[in-house]
Amino acid sequence: MKEKGNRIKGMDGLRGIAIIGITLFHMFPNVFKGGYLGVVLFFVLTGFLMVITNKKRLCHNKWLIFDEK
């Protein structure tokens, strides 16, 4: 996966698929049985992005626990 600016290609698409799966599960629970898979996918991707962001900040010595304004 290559980055474009601060975004990783494909992550938005995967998160979109997860959100669509969750939405369809809530709209048609008898038809779509895998709504929980969308929730798990969304949380895994969000956690991955948080780790990548924090790793980049740590490498560039921009690690802050709280924003200093």
Foldseek 3Di string as FASTA:
>chain_A
DDDDPLRDPPLVVQLVVLVVLLVVCVVCVPVRVPNVVSVVSNVVSVVVSVVVVQVVCVVVVNDDPDDDD
